[in-house]
Amino acid sequence: MACVCRVSCSSAAGISRSTSVVIAYLISEVGMNYEKAFMSVRRARRCIQPNEGFVHQLRKYHRRLKKARALAAGDQQLLESQDSNPDD
C-alpha cells in the first residue's frame, strides 16, 4: 500500500527551508533516506532546491537516526554497514 501524506508547510518561496522541513519529516516518520524523500517532495513540487547546508544536515540527520534505531533494535550488522556506507 502506498503512503499518502498530506502536509502543508510554507515559507516565502517554498523552495529551500520549508522543503527541508518536509524532507526531515519523511526521513523521521516515514523512514525514507534523503534521496527518496527529496524525490518524493520534488514529484509534488518541481521547484524545490534545498540549500547545500540543509542538504548536508539532512543527510547527517538520516545517518544519526538510522544508527540510533539500529542501536535501539540491537542490530549490529546494520551498524557495521553504516560505517562502510556513510551516504545511505
Protein backbone atom coordinates (compact mmCIF):
# COMPACT_ATOMS: atom_id res chain seq x y z
CA MET A 1 0.00 0.00 0.00
CA ALA A 2 1.34 3.45 -0.91
CA CYS A 3 1.88 6.02 1.79
CA VAL A 4 -0.42 9.01 1.43
CA CYS A 5 0.81 12.01 3.32
CA ARG A 6 -0.63 15.49 3.06
CA VAL A 7 1.49 18.19 4.63
CA SER A 8 1.19 21.93 4.28
CA CYS A 9 4.41 23.73 5.05
CA SER A 10 5.26 27.12 3.61
CA SER A 11 7.82 29.87 3.72
CA ALA A 12 8.26 32.86 1.41
CA ALA A 13 9.09 30.88 -1.74
CA GLY A 14 8.74 27.29 -0.52
CA ILE A 15 11.98 26.31 -2.22
CA SER A 16 14.56 25.58 0.48
CA ARG A 17 13.55 25.98 4.13
CA SER A 18 10.04 24.52 4.07
CA THR A 19 11.21 21.83 1.66
CA SER A 20 13.89 20.82 4.15
CA VAL A 21 11.31 20.55 6.94
CA VAL A 22 9.14 18.23 4.84
CA ILE A 23 12.17 16.12 3.83
CA ALA A 24 13.18 15.84 7.50
CA TYR A 25 9.65 14.69 8.33
CA LEU A 26 9.79 11.99 5.63
CA ILE A 27 13.17 10.82 6.91
CA SER A 28 11.97 10.70 10.51
CA GLU A 29 8.41 9.47 10.27
CA VAL A 30 8.26 7.51 7.01
CA GLY A 31 11.79 6.08 7.17
CA MET A 32 13.00 7.36 3.80
CA ASN A 33 16.62 8.22 3.11
CA TYR A 34 17.48 11.71 1.85
CA GLU A 35 17.35 10.84 -1.85
CA LYS A 36 13.95 9.13 -1.66
CA ALA A 37 12.49 11.92 0.46
CA PHE A 38 13.88 14.58 -1.90
CA MET A 39 12.42 12.85 -4.97
CA SER A 40 9.07 12.39 -3.24
CA VAL A 41 8.86 16.12 -2.48
CA ARG A 42 10.15 17.00 -5.95
CA ARG A 43 7.32 15.00 -7.55
CA ALA A 44 4.83 17.16 -5.66
CA ARG A 45 6.67 20.46 -6.16
CA ARG A 46 9.12 20.73 -9.06
CA CYS A 47 10.81 23.99 -7.97
CA ILE A 48 12.39 22.72 -4.74
CA GLN A 49 16.06 23.37 -4.10
CA PRO A 50 17.24 22.93 -0.51
CA ASN A 51 20.43 24.87 0.10
CA GLU A 52 23.70 22.99 0.44
CA GLY A 53 23.85 23.42 4.22
CA PHE A 54 20.35 21.97 4.68
CA VAL A 55 21.20 19.01 2.41
CA HIS A 56 24.32 18.27 4.46
CA GLN A 57 22.34 18.43 7.72
CA LEU A 58 19.52 16.25 6.36
CA ARG A 59 21.96 13.56 5.23
CA LYS A 60 23.67 13.70 8.63
CA TYR A 61 20.26 13.52 10.36
CA HIS A 62 19.36 10.41 8.37
CA ARG A 63 22.64 8.67 9.31
CA ARG A 64 22.22 9.52 13.01
CA LEU A 65 18.60 8.46 13.07
CA LYS A 66 19.37 5.17 11.32
CA LYS A 67 22.21 4.49 13.75
CA ALA A 68 20.03 5.31 16.78
CA ARG A 69 17.30 2.99 15.54
CA ALA A 70 19.83 0.22 14.93
CA LEU A 71 21.19 0.66 18.46
CA ALA A 72 17.69 0.53 19.90
CA ALA A 73 16.99 -2.65 17.94
CA GLY A 74 20.38 -4.16 18.77
CA ASP A 75 21.18 -4.56 15.06
CA GLN A 76 24.98 -4.87 14.97
CA GLN A 77 25.05 -5.79 11.26
CA LEU A 78 23.24 -2.57 10.33
CA LEU A 79 25.64 -0.55 12.47
CA GLU A 80 28.63 -2.09 10.68
CA SER A 81 27.14 -1.34 7.26
CA GLN A 82 26.55 2.27 8.33
CA ASP A 83 30.26 2.71 8.99
CA SER A 84 31.11 1.47 5.49
CA ASN A 85 28.37 3.48 3.67
CA PRO A 86 28.04 6.96 5.23
CA ASP A 87 25.76 8.40 2.49
CA ASP A 88 22.92 5.91 2.90
